[in-house]
Amino acid sequence: MTRIGFLGPHATFTEQALLSLPESEGAELVPLPGNPAVLAAVREGTVDAGCVPIENSVEGAVPPVLDGLVLDPPLVITREALVGVRFVLVGRPGTALAAVRTVASHGHGIAQTRGWIAAHLPQAEVLVSTSTSEAAAQVARGEMDAAACSPLAAEQHGLEILADDIADNPGAVTRFVLVAAPGRVPAPTGHDRTTLALTTENRPGSLLGLLTELAVRGIDLTRIESRPIKDRHNDYWFHLDCSGHVADPAMGEALAALHRRADRVRFLGSFPRAAGAAGPATGAGDGTVPLSGASSAAYRAAEHWLADVRNGVQV
């Protein structure tokens, strides 16, 4: 049986995302105490894959996940899921809102409900838990008065919803990814995302030169994040998301160029974009060529022309 780790305990938003993926069907779902623990379990082989959050539409990237993805041995992303995040305030049955003195949640949960808590519970101390579901479990154990979590966590731990829809930005979405050891890349779907991380020497124009390798090939860069390299002062990993698949001629050529020019390149996967994820279609014949000559057909024609030139044939 396939084992898939996720940020636990049960009833987290991460488990909700994992259950939306076809890989979860028939698999043993293994709750683990933190995103670094999920990535470590995949590397150690105690689970076959792991599900972790990678970015939120309000708070941006999840730094421990970005940092963990560039460690060794390598991991790759094989699929993603988008989950609309609905937060509720929960407490033990009979708890009055005025009696709440401590509120717990995951760091991103706190960030997304900070305004509501400040307005409605100004007297409460806000404390960070390893997950929203663990915060609910702390309330159930009597360690906290209330938690900002999902309705599923409230049900799981037998808690009462004290206030509904407490997020400061309704409609917030979190993107989750399924990671595994490197293997065969999923086939292109025409609606794909390629993720990579790279480092470059610290001199004027070095990053611009790398990004130009994407731009001149008509590749849509949809996200870029920088994270400090822990053992190198003033050096950074740059995490990039691009529309397209490593099997596409333009993407393959761009990755080869980045490998030539960057200090280090870590390929983090080509995989189908989740339903509802922004980005243009990328498949051949879809009519969405961002720049002249960037279609797969144009790349094939150029390869044939170059082969003729090298063989002394001029057409």
C-alpha atoms as a PDB file:
ATOM      1  CA  MET A   1       0.000   0.000   0.000  1.00  0.00           C
ATOM      2  CA  THR A   2       1.230   3.478  -0.849  1.00  0.00           C
ATOM      3  CA  ARG A   3       1.994   5.630   2.209  1.00  0.00           C
ATOM      4  CA  ILE A   4       1.576   9.403   1.913  1.00  0.00           C
ATOM      5  CA  GLY A   5       2.681  11.750   4.667  1.00  0.00           C
ATOM      6  CA  PHE A   6       1.006  15.079   5.395  1.00  0.00           C
ATOM      7  CA  LEU A   7       1.110  17.893   7.928  1.00  0.00           C
ATOM      8  CA  GLY A   8      -0.865  16.431  10.804  1.00  0.00           C
ATOM      9  CA  PRO A   9      -2.730  15.654  12.891  1.00  0.00           C
ATOM     10  CA  HIS A  10      -5.869  14.602  11.032  1.00  0.00           C
ATOM     11  CA  ALA A  11      -8.334  17.295   9.895  1.00  0.00           C
ATOM     12  CA  THR A  12      -5.725  19.833   8.753  1.00  0.00           C
ATOM     13  CA  PHE A  13      -6.179  21.827   5.571  1.00  0.00           C
ATOM     14  CA  THR A  14      -3.269  19.774   4.212  1.00  0.00           C
ATOM     15  CA  GLU A  15      -5.192  16.533   4.699  1.00  0.00           C
ATOM     16  CA  GLN A  16      -8.172  18.165   2.996  1.00  0.00           C
ATOM     17  CA  ALA A  17      -5.924  18.996   0.013  1.00  0.00           C
ATOM     18  CA  LEU A  18      -4.455  15.494  -0.042  1.00  0.00           C
ATOM     19  CA  LEU A  19      -7.904  13.892  -0.073  1.00  0.00           C
ATOM     20  CA  SER A  20      -8.698  15.873  -3.242  1.00  0.00           C
ATOM     21  CA  LEU A  21      -5.834  14.184  -5.123  1.00  0.00           C
ATOM     22  CA  PRO A  22      -6.293  10.841  -6.904  1.00  0.00           C
ATOM     23  CA  GLU A  23      -3.093   9.529  -5.277  1.00  0.00           C
ATOM     24  CA  SER A  24      -4.863   9.436  -1.911  1.00  0.00           C
ATOM     25  CA  GLU A  25      -7.348   6.768  -3.053  1.00  0.00           C
ATOM     26  CA  GLY A  26      -6.412   3.491  -1.383  1.00  0.00           C
ATOM     27  CA  ALA A  27      -3.298   4.993   0.203  1.00  0.00           C
ATOM     28  CA  GLU A  28      -2.373   5.006   3.880  1.00  0.00           C
ATOM     29  CA  LEU A  29      -2.360   8.648   4.973  1.00  0.00           C
ATOM     30  CA  VAL A  30       0.294   9.314   7.610  1.00  0.00           C
ATOM     31  CA  PRO A  31       0.036  12.470   9.774  1.00  0.00           C
ATOM     32  CA  LEU A  32       3.435  13.976  10.639  1.00  0.00           C
ATOM     33  CA  PRO A  33       4.408  16.802  13.031  1.00  0.00           C
ATOM     34  CA  GLY A  34       5.400  19.587  10.668  1.00  0.00           C
ATOM     35  CA  ASN A  35       6.281  20.285   7.045  1.00  0.00           C
ATOM     36  CA  PRO A  36      10.031  19.570   7.517  1.00  0.00           C
ATOM     37  CA  ALA A  37       9.073  16.189   8.990  1.00  0.00           C
ATOM     38  CA  VAL A  38       6.990  15.398   5.893  1.00  0.00           C
ATOM     39  CA  LEU A  39       9.874  16.190   3.529  1.00  0.00           C
ATOM     40  CA  ALA A  40      12.317  14.242   5.711  1.00  0.00           C
ATOM     41  CA  ALA A  41      10.040  11.187   5.714  1.00  0.00           C
ATOM     42  CA  VAL A  42       9.910  11.206   1.903  1.00  0.00           C
ATOM     43  CA  ARG A  43      13.704  11.432   1.723  1.00  0.00           C
ATOM     44  CA  GLU A  44      14.127   8.616   4.251  1.00  0.00           C
ATOM     45  CA  GLY A  45      11.646   6.409   2.402  1.00  0.00           C
ATOM     46  CA  THR A  46       9.308   5.921   5.365  1.00  0.00           C
ATOM     47  CA  VAL A  47       6.550   7.339   3.136  1.00  0.00           C
ATOM     48  CA  ASP A  48       6.255   7.185  -0.652  1.00  0.00           C
ATOM     49  CA  ALA A  49       5.142  10.800  -1.064  1.00  0.00           C
ATOM     50  CA  GLY A  50       4.263  13.818   1.038  1.00  0.00           C
ATOM     51  CA  CYS A  51       1.725  16.631   0.862  1.00  0.00           C
ATOM     52  CA  VAL A  52       2.741  20.110   2.061  1.00  0.00           C
ATOM     53  CA  PRO A  53       1.499  23.688   1.603  1.00  0.00           C
ATOM     54  CA  ILE A  54       3.756  25.789  -0.617  1.00  0.00           C
ATOM     55  CA  GLU A  55       2.019  29.181  -0.873  1.00  0.00           C
ATOM     56  CA  ASN A  56      -1.024  31.128   0.241  1.00  0.00           C
ATOM     57  CA  SER A  57      -2.804  33.850  -1.702  1.00  0.00           C
ATOM     58  CA  VAL A  58      -2.599  36.167   1.333  1.00  0.00           C
ATOM     59  CA  GLU A  59       0.717  35.380   3.031  1.00  0.00           C
ATOM     60  CA  GLY A  60       2.736  34.142   0.068  1.00  0.00           C
ATOM     61  CA  ALA A  61       5.237  31.290   0.192  1.00  0.00           C
ATOM     62  CA  VAL A  62       5.736  28.825   3.052  1.00  0.00           C
ATOM     63  CA  PRO A  63       9.461  29.328   3.837  1.00  0.00           C
ATOM     64  CA  PRO A  64      10.198  25.949   5.518  1.00  0.00           C
ATOM     65  CA  VAL A  65       8.857  24.153   2.441  1.00  0.00           C
ATOM     66  CA  LEU A  66      10.881  26.241  -0.022  1.00  0.00           C
ATOM     67  CA  ASP A  67      14.004  25.723   2.088  1.00  0.00           C
ATOM     68  CA  GLY A  68      13.330  22.001   2.422  1.00  0.00           C
ATOM     69  CA  LEU A  69      12.849  21.423  -1.298  1.00  0.00           C
ATOM     70  CA  VAL A  70      16.450  22.400  -2.140  1.00  0.00           C
ATOM     71  CA  LEU A  71      18.063  20.061   0.394  1.00  0.00           C
ATOM     72  CA  ASP A  72      19.615  16.727  -0.573  1.00  0.00           C
ATOM     73  CA  PRO A  73      18.736  14.155  -1.662  1.00  0.00           C
ATOM     74  CA  PRO A  74      16.517  15.812  -4.292  1.00  0.00           C
ATOM     75  CA  LEU A  75      12.723  15.810  -4.266  1.00  0.00           C
ATOM     76  CA  VAL A  76      10.301  16.733  -7.043  1.00  0.00           C
ATOM     77  CA  ILE A  77       6.713  17.960  -7.157  1.00  0.00           C
ATOM     78  CA  THR A  78       4.346  15.624  -9.000  1.00  0.00           C
ATOM     79  CA  ARG A  79       0.965  17.302  -8.482  1.00  0.00           C
ATOM     80  CA  GLU A  80      -0.696  20.320  -6.877  1.00  0.00           C
ATOM     81  CA  ALA A  81      -4.054  21.167  -5.313  1.00  0.00           C
ATOM     82  CA  LEU A  82      -5.811  24.428  -4.466  1.00  0.00           C
ATOM     83  CA  VAL A  83      -7.919  24.655  -1.316  1.00  0.00           C
ATOM     84  CA  GLY A  84     -10.146  27.555  -0.360  1.00  0.00           C
ATOM     85  CA  VAL A  85      -9.417  28.219   3.285  1.00  0.00           C
ATOM     86  CA  ARG A  86     -12.357  28.860   5.645  1.00  0.00           C
ATOM     87  CA  PHE A  87     -11.433  29.639   9.243  1.00  0.00           C
ATOM     88  CA  VAL A  88     -13.683  29.283  12.271  1.00  0.00           C
ATOM     89  CA  LEU A  89     -13.032  30.076  15.923  1.00  0.00           C
ATOM     90  CA  VAL A  90     -13.632  27.016  18.072  1.00  0.00           C
ATOM     91  CA  GLY A  91     -13.750  26.311  21.784  1.00  0.00           C
ATOM     92  CA  ARG A  92     -14.909  23.657  24.196  1.00  0.00           C
ATOM     93  CA  PRO A  93     -18.710  23.381  24.424  1.00  0.00           C
ATOM     94  CA  GLY A  94     -20.128  26.145  26.596  1.00  0.00           C
ATOM     95  CA  THR A  95     -17.199  28.521  26.109  1.00  0.00           C
ATOM     96  CA  ALA A  96     -18.235  32.186  26.022  1.00  0.00           C
ATOM     97  CA  LEU A  97     -16.408  34.465  23.596  1.00  0.00           C
ATOM     98  CA  ALA A  98     -15.727  36.932  26.405  1.00  0.00           C
ATOM     99  CA  ALA A  99     -13.949  34.211  28.391  1.00  0.00           C
ATOM    100  CA  VAL A 100     -11.345  33.460  25.701  1.00  0.00           C
ATOM    101  CA  ARG A 101      -7.866  34.428  26.899  1.00  0.00           C
ATOM    102  CA  THR A 102      -5.696  32.306  24.580  1.00  0.00           C
ATOM    103  CA  VAL A 103      -6.115  31.578  20.861  1.00  0.00           C
ATOM    104  CA  ALA A 104      -3.919  29.123  18.943  1.00  0.00           C
ATOM    105  CA  SER A 105      -3.404  28.419  15.252  1.00  0.00           C
ATOM    106  CA  HIS A 106      -0.726  27.691  12.686  1.00  0.00           C
ATOM    107  CA  GLY A 107       1.383  30.717  11.746  1.00  0.00           C
ATOM    108  CA  HIS A 108      -0.429  31.189   8.437  1.00  0.00           C
ATOM    109  CA  GLY A 109      -3.772  30.777  10.199  1.00  0.00           C
ATOM    110  CA  ILE A 110      -2.851  33.525  12.642  1.00  0.00           C
ATOM    111  CA  ALA A 111      -1.759  35.777   9.786  1.00  0.00           C
ATOM    112  CA  GLN A 112      -5.099  35.294   8.027  1.00  0.00           C
ATOM    113  CA  THR A 113      -7.256  35.941  11.114  1.00  0.00           C
ATOM    114  CA  ARG A 114      -5.153  38.534  12.959  1.00  0.00           C
ATOM    115  CA  GLY A 115      -7.505  41.436  12.240  1.00  0.00           C
ATOM    116  CA  TRP A 116     -10.620  39.568  13.360  1.00  0.00           C
ATOM    117  CA  ILE A 117      -8.956  38.403  16.579  1.00  0.00           C
ATOM    118  CA  ALA A 118      -7.690  41.899  17.367  1.00  0.00           C
ATOM    119  CA  ALA A 119     -11.165  43.374  16.827  1.00  0.00           C
ATOM    120  CA  HIS A 120     -13.190  40.711  18.672  1.00  0.00           C
ATOM    121  CA  LEU A 121     -10.724  39.269  21.209  1.00  0.00           C
ATOM    122  CA  PRO A 122      -8.384  42.159  22.093  1.00  0.00           C
ATOM    123  CA  GLN A 123      -7.701  40.582  25.475  1.00  0.00           C
ATOM    124  CA  ALA A 124      -6.546  37.235  24.043  1.00  0.00           C
ATOM    125  CA  GLU A 125      -2.953  36.043  23.733  1.00  0.00           C
ATOM    126  CA  VAL A 126      -2.307  34.535  20.287  1.00  0.00           C
ATOM    127  CA  LEU A 127      -0.011  31.488  20.220  1.00  0.00           C
ATOM    128  CA  VAL A 128       1.485  29.484  17.350  1.00  0.00           C
ATOM    129  CA  SER A 129       0.800  25.748  16.915  1.00  0.00           C
ATOM    130  CA  THR A 130       2.341  23.289  14.470  1.00  0.00           C
ATOM    131  CA  SER A 131      -0.933  23.089  12.524  1.00  0.00           C
ATOM    132  CA  THR A 132      -4.503  24.368  12.700  1.00  0.00           C
ATOM    133  CA  SER A 133      -5.716  20.898  13.681  1.00  0.00           C
ATOM    134  CA  GLU A 134      -3.122  20.639  16.458  1.00  0.00           C
ATOM    135  CA  ALA A 135      -4.420  23.991  17.735  1.00  0.00           C
ATOM    136  CA  ALA A 136      -7.899  22.464  17.908  1.00  0.00           C
ATOM    137  CA  ALA A 137      -6.460  19.452  19.706  1.00  0.00           C
ATOM    138  CA  GLN A 138      -4.840  21.783  22.255  1.00  0.00           C
ATOM    139  CA  VAL A 139      -8.245  23.316  22.921  1.00  0.00           C
ATOM    140  CA  ALA A 140      -9.787  19.862  23.342  1.00  0.00           C
ATOM    141  CA  ARG A 141      -7.034  18.982  25.846  1.00  0.00           C
ATOM    142  CA  GLY A 142      -7.697  22.153  27.825  1.00  0.00           C
ATOM    143  CA  GLU A 143      -4.360  23.770  26.953  1.00  0.00           C
ATOM    144  CA  MET A 144      -5.920  26.658  25.011  1.00  0.00           C
ATOM    145  CA  ASP A 145      -9.241  28.457  25.226  1.00  0.00           C
ATOM    146  CA  ALA A 146      -9.854  28.717  21.478  1.00  0.00           C
ATOM    147  CA  ALA A 147      -8.352  27.936  18.093  1.00  0.00           C
ATOM    148  CA  ALA A 148      -8.597  29.327  14.569  1.00  0.00           C
ATOM    149  CA  CYS A 149      -8.972  26.236  12.394  1.00  0.00           C
ATOM    150  CA  SER A 150     -11.138  24.479   9.825  1.00  0.00           C
ATOM    151  CA  PRO A 151     -14.709  23.347  10.508  1.00  0.00           C
ATOM    152  CA  LEU A 152     -13.462  19.781   9.954  1.00  0.00           C
ATOM    153  CA  ALA A 153     -11.006  20.148  12.846  1.00  0.00           C
ATOM    154  CA  ALA A 154     -13.814  21.376  15.098  1.00  0.00           C
ATOM    155  CA  GLU A 155     -15.852  18.290  14.232  1.00  0.00           C
ATOM    156  CA  GLN A 156     -12.844  15.976  14.624  1.00  0.00           C
ATOM    157  CA  HIS A 157     -12.128  17.192  18.160  1.00  0.00           C
ATOM    158  CA  GLY A 158     -15.698  17.658  19.390  1.00  0.00           C
ATOM    159  CA  LEU A 159     -15.457  21.434  19.665  1.00  0.00           C
ATOM    160  CA  GLU A 160     -18.062  24.153  19.341  1.00  0.00           C
ATOM    161  CA  ILE A 161     -17.844  26.842  16.655  1.00  0.00           C
ATOM    162  CA  LEU A 162     -17.798  30.179  18.502  1.00  0.00           C
ATOM    163  CA  ALA A 163     -17.550  32.321  15.360  1.00  0.00           C
ATOM    164  CA  ASP A 164     -17.708  31.458  11.656  1.00  0.00           C
ATOM    165  CA  ASP A 165     -15.760  32.849   8.679  1.00  0.00           C
ATOM    166  CA  ILE A 166     -13.223  34.800  10.709  1.00  0.00           C
ATOM    167  CA  ALA A 167     -10.613  35.233   7.961  1.00  0.00           C
ATOM    168  CA  ASP A 168      -9.605  38.810   7.244  1.00  0.00           C
ATOM    169  CA  ASN A 169      -9.540  38.078   3.499  1.00  0.00           C
ATOM    170  CA  PRO A 170     -12.471  35.872   2.467  1.00  0.00           C
ATOM    171  CA  GLY A 171     -11.696  33.787  -0.573  1.00  0.00           C
ATOM    172  CA  ALA A 172      -8.077  33.096   0.374  1.00  0.00           C
ATOM    173  CA  VAL A 173      -6.616  30.040  -1.331  1.00  0.00           C
ATOM    174  CA  THR A 174      -3.671  27.856  -0.338  1.00  0.00           C
ATOM    175  CA  ARG A 175      -1.708  25.831  -2.882  1.00  0.00           C
ATOM    176  CA  PHE A 176      -0.494  22.415  -1.757  1.00  0.00           C
ATOM    177  CA  VAL A 177       1.967  20.147  -3.545  1.00  0.00           C
ATOM    178  CA  LEU A 178       2.627  16.427  -3.562  1.00  0.00           C
ATOM    179  CA  VAL A 179       6.352  15.651  -3.423  1.00  0.00           C
ATOM    180  CA  ALA A 180       8.231  12.411  -4.063  1.00  0.00           C
ATOM    181  CA  ALA A 181      11.669  11.110  -4.942  1.00  0.00           C
ATOM    182  CA  PRO A 182      12.719  11.896  -8.534  1.00  0.00           C
ATOM    183  CA  GLY A 183      11.281   9.559 -11.140  1.00  0.00           C
ATOM    184  CA  ARG A 184       9.522   9.650 -14.483  1.00  0.00           C
ATOM    185  CA  VAL A 185       8.045  13.106 -15.077  1.00  0.00           C
ATOM    186  CA  PRO A 186       4.251  13.145 -15.647  1.00  0.00           C
ATOM    187  CA  ALA A 187       3.349  13.526 -19.332  1.00  0.00           C
ATOM    188  CA  PRO A 188       2.444  17.038 -20.562  1.00  0.00           C
ATOM    189  CA  THR A 189      -1.221  17.984 -20.363  1.00  0.00           C
ATOM    190  CA  GLY A 190      -1.084  21.372 -22.089  1.00  0.00           C
ATOM    191  CA  HIS A 191      -1.875  23.052 -18.762  1.00  0.00           C
ATOM    192  CA  ASP A 192       1.333  22.455 -16.815  1.00  0.00           C
ATOM    193  CA  ARG A 193       3.645  24.133 -14.363  1.00  0.00           C
ATOM    194  CA  THR A 194       7.418  23.728 -14.085  1.00  0.00           C
ATOM    195  CA  THR A 195       9.082  24.605 -10.786  1.00  0.00           C
ATOM    196  CA  LEU A 196      12.798  25.079 -10.267  1.00  0.00           C
ATOM    197  CA  ALA A 197      15.295  26.757  -7.970  1.00  0.00           C
ATOM    198  CA  LEU A 198      18.606  28.301  -8.952  1.00  0.00           C
ATOM    199  CA  THR A 199      21.556  30.238  -7.578  1.00  0.00           C
ATOM    200  CA  THR A 200      23.779  32.705  -9.379  1.00  0.00           C
ATOM    201  CA  GLU A 201      26.899  34.708  -8.671  1.00  0.00           C
ATOM    202  CA  ASN A 202      26.314  37.997  -6.887  1.00  0.00           C
ATOM    203  CA  ARG A 203      27.071  40.578  -9.559  1.00  0.00           C
ATOM    204  CA  PRO A 204      25.006  43.200 -11.420  1.00  0.00           C
ATOM    205  CA  GLY A 205      22.717  41.717 -14.031  1.00  0.00           C
ATOM    206  CA  SER A 206      23.326  38.044 -13.228  1.00  0.00           C
ATOM    207  CA  LEU A 207      19.717  37.280 -12.267  1.00  0.00           C
ATOM    208  CA  LEU A 208      18.385  39.354 -15.167  1.00  0.00           C
ATOM    209  CA  GLY A 209      20.521  37.300 -17.533  1.00  0.00           C
ATOM    210  CA  LEU A 210      19.015  34.070 -16.231  1.00  0.00           C
ATOM    211  CA  LEU A 211      15.442  35.328 -16.431  1.00  0.00           C
ATOM    212  CA  THR A 212      16.078  36.506 -19.986  1.00  0.00           C
ATOM    213  CA  GLU A 213      16.617  32.855 -20.959  1.00  0.00           C
ATOM    214  CA  LEU A 214      12.938  32.329 -20.119  1.00  0.00           C
ATOM    215  CA  ALA A 215      11.644  35.544 -21.653  1.00  0.00           C
ATOM    216  CA  VAL A 216      13.280  35.133 -25.065  1.00  0.00           C
ATOM    217  CA  ARG A 217      11.668  31.703 -25.382  1.00  0.00           C
ATOM    218  CA  GLY A 218       8.179  32.991 -24.571  1.00  0.00           C
ATOM    219  CA  ILE A 219       8.000  31.211 -21.209  1.00  0.00           C
ATOM    220  CA  ASP A 220       5.604  32.791 -18.712  1.00  0.00           C
ATOM    221  CA  LEU A 221       7.258  33.267 -15.304  1.00  0.00           C
ATOM    222  CA  THR A 222       4.373  33.136 -12.808  1.00  0.00           C
ATOM    223  CA  ARG A 223       6.238  33.285  -9.468  1.00  0.00           C
ATOM    224  CA  ILE A 224       9.686  34.145  -8.163  1.00  0.00           C
ATOM    225  CA  GLU A 225      10.803  34.002  -4.526  1.00  0.00           C
ATOM    226  CA  SER A 226      14.217  34.427  -2.953  1.00  0.00           C
ATOM    227  CA  ARG A 227      15.398  32.484   0.088  1.00  0.00           C
ATOM    228  CA  PRO A 228      18.782  32.922   1.786  1.00  0.00           C
ATOM    229  CA  ILE A 229      21.275  30.084   1.490  1.00  0.00           C
ATOM    230  CA  LYS A 230      21.858  29.141   5.113  1.00  0.00           C
ATOM    231  CA  ASP A 231      25.628  28.647   4.924  1.00  0.00           C
ATOM    232  CA  ARG A 232      26.453  31.427   2.412  1.00  0.00           C
ATOM    233  CA  HIS A 233      26.064  35.076   3.454  1.00  0.00           C
ATOM    234  CA  ASN A 234      24.380  37.302   0.861  1.00  0.00           C
ATOM    235  CA  ASP A 235      23.656  34.365  -1.453  1.00  0.00           C
ATOM    236  CA  TYR A 236      20.146  33.197  -2.311  1.00  0.00           C
ATOM    237  CA  TRP A 237      18.113  30.412  -3.847  1.00  0.00           C
ATOM    238  CA  PHE A 238      15.641  31.847  -6.365  1.00  0.00           C
ATOM    239  CA  HIS A 239      12.486  29.739  -6.625  1.00  0.00           C
ATOM    240  CA  LEU A 240      10.667  30.012  -9.950  1.00  0.00           C
ATOM    241  CA  ASP A 241       7.320  28.784 -11.270  1.00  0.00           C
ATOM    242  CA  CYS A 242       6.842  28.806 -15.031  1.00  0.00           C
ATOM    243  CA  SER A 243       3.971  27.890 -17.330  1.00  0.00           C
ATOM    244  CA  GLY A 244       4.945  24.881 -19.394  1.00  0.00           C
ATOM    245  CA  HIS A 245       6.485  21.413 -19.192  1.00  0.00           C
ATOM    246  CA  VAL A 246      10.065  20.166 -19.349  1.00  0.00           C
ATOM    247  CA  ALA A 247       9.049  18.104 -22.398  1.00  0.00           C
ATOM    248  CA  ASP A 248       8.164  21.305 -24.310  1.00  0.00           C
ATOM    249  CA  PRO A 249      11.027  22.300 -26.634  1.00  0.00           C
ATOM    250  CA  ALA A 250      11.113  25.891 -25.352  1.00  0.00           C
ATOM    251  CA  MET A 251      11.186  24.831 -21.699  1.00  0.00           C
ATOM    252  CA  GLY A 252      13.820  22.166 -22.285  1.00  0.00           C
ATOM    253  CA  GLU A 253      16.049  24.617 -24.130  1.00  0.00           C
ATOM    254  CA  ALA A 254      15.588  27.225 -21.389  1.00  0.00           C
ATOM    255  CA  LEU A 255      16.478  24.773 -18.637  1.00  0.00           C
ATOM    256  CA  ALA A 256      19.614  23.727 -20.522  1.00  0.00           C
ATOM    257  CA  ALA A 257      20.592  27.400 -20.875  1.00  0.00           C
ATOM    258  CA  LEU A 258      20.008  27.998 -17.170  1.00  0.00           C
ATOM    259  CA  HIS A 259      22.159  24.977 -16.357  1.00  0.00           C
ATOM    260  CA  ARG A 260      24.974  26.498 -18.420  1.00  0.00           C
ATOM    261  CA  ARG A 261      24.738  29.954 -16.869  1.00  0.00           C
ATOM    262  CA  ALA A 262      23.615  29.479 -13.243  1.00  0.00           C
ATOM    263  CA  ASP A 263      25.807  28.325 -10.366  1.00  0.00           C
ATOM    264  CA  ARG A 264      23.250  25.639  -9.484  1.00  0.00           C
ATOM    265  CA  VAL A 265      19.877  24.599 -10.874  1.00  0.00           C
ATOM    266  CA  ARG A 266      17.482  22.301  -9.030  1.00  0.00           C
ATOM    267  CA  PHE A 267      14.640  20.949 -11.186  1.00  0.00           C
ATOM    268  CA  LEU A 268      11.656  20.637  -8.843  1.00  0.00           C
ATOM    269  CA  GLY A 269       9.153  19.122 -11.224  1.00  0.00           C
ATOM    270  CA  SER A 270       6.785  19.549 -14.177  1.00  0.00           C
ATOM    271  CA  PHE A 271       3.207  18.676 -13.286  1.00  0.00           C
ATOM    272  CA  PRO A 272      -0.416  19.532 -14.139  1.00  0.00           C
ATOM    273  CA  ARG A 273      -1.661  22.828 -12.784  1.00  0.00           C
ATOM    274  CA  ALA A 274      -4.573  22.468 -10.403  1.00  0.00           C
ATOM    275  CA  ALA A 275      -8.056  23.236 -11.658  1.00  0.00           C
ATOM    276  CA  GLY A 276      -8.582  26.954 -11.271  1.00  0.00           C
ATOM    277  CA  ALA A 277      -4.864  27.799 -11.228  1.00  0.00           C
ATOM    278  CA  ALA A 278      -3.951  30.845 -13.276  1.00  0.00           C
ATOM    279  CA  GLY A 279      -1.761  30.619 -16.343  1.00  0.00           C
ATOM    280  CA  PRO A 280      -2.027  30.221 -20.101  1.00  0.00           C
ATOM    281  CA  ALA A 281      -2.455  26.924 -21.863  1.00  0.00           C
ATOM    282  CA  THR A 282       0.866  25.572 -23.076  1.00  0.00           C
ATOM    283  CA  GLY A 283       0.057  22.634 -25.335  1.00  0.00           C
ATOM    284  CA  ALA A 284       0.882  22.556 -29.031  1.00  0.00           C
ATOM    285  CA  GLY A 285      -1.888  23.937 -31.214  1.00  0.00           C
ATOM    286  CA  ASP A 286      -3.681  25.764 -28.409  1.00  0.00           C
ATOM    287  CA  GLY A 287      -3.234  29.145 -30.101  1.00  0.00           C
ATOM    288  CA  THR A 288      -1.563  30.816 -27.101  1.00  0.00           C
ATOM    289  CA  VAL A 289       1.966  31.590 -28.316  1.00  0.00           C
ATOM    290  CA  PRO A 290       3.237  34.480 -26.170  1.00  0.00           C
ATOM    291  CA  LEU A 291       6.074  35.410 -28.533  1.00  0.00           C
ATOM    292  CA  SER A 292       6.675  34.853 -32.234  1.00  0.00           C
ATOM    293  CA  GLY A 293       8.586  31.643 -32.815  1.00  0.00           C
ATOM    294  CA  ALA A 294       7.924  30.178 -29.353  1.00  0.00           C
ATOM    295  CA  SER A 295       5.574  27.384 -30.429  1.00  0.00           C
ATOM    296  CA  SER A 296       6.638  23.734 -30.401  1.00  0.00           C
ATOM    297  CA  ALA A 297       6.251  23.648 -34.190  1.00  0.00           C
ATOM    298  CA  ALA A 298       8.616  26.604 -34.574  1.00  0.00           C
ATOM    299  CA  TYR A 299      11.196  24.876 -32.387  1.00  0.00           C
ATOM    300  CA  ARG A 300      10.986  21.670 -34.432  1.00  0.00           C
ATOM    301  CA  ALA A 301      11.373  23.616 -37.677  1.00  0.00           C
ATOM    302  CA  ALA A 302      14.418  25.423 -36.277  1.00  0.00           C
ATOM    303  CA  GLU A 303      16.011  22.129 -35.204  1.00  0.00           C
ATOM    304  CA  HIS A 304      15.564  20.687 -38.708  1.00  0.00           C
ATOM    305  CA  TRP A 305      16.988  23.853 -40.273  1.00  0.00           C
ATOM    306  CA  LEU A 306      20.031  23.753 -37.980  1.00  0.00           C
ATOM    307  CA  ALA A 307      20.619  20.072 -38.787  1.00  0.00           C
ATOM    308  CA  ASP A 308      20.551  20.927 -42.506  1.00  0.00           C
ATOM    309  CA  VAL A 309      23.027  23.768 -42.014  1.00  0.00           C
ATOM    310  CA  ARG A 310      25.391  21.492 -40.123  1.00  0.00           C
ATOM    311  CA  ASN A 311      25.134  18.952 -42.936  1.00  0.00           C
ATOM    312  CA  GLY A 312      25.901  21.557 -45.591  1.00  0.00           C
ATOM    313  CA  VAL A 313      22.352  21.818 -46.874  1.00  0.00           C
ATOM    314  CA  GLN A 314      20.930  25.292 -47.466  1.00  0.00           C
ATOM    315  CA  VAL A 315      17.182  25.565 -47.980  1.00  0.00           C
END
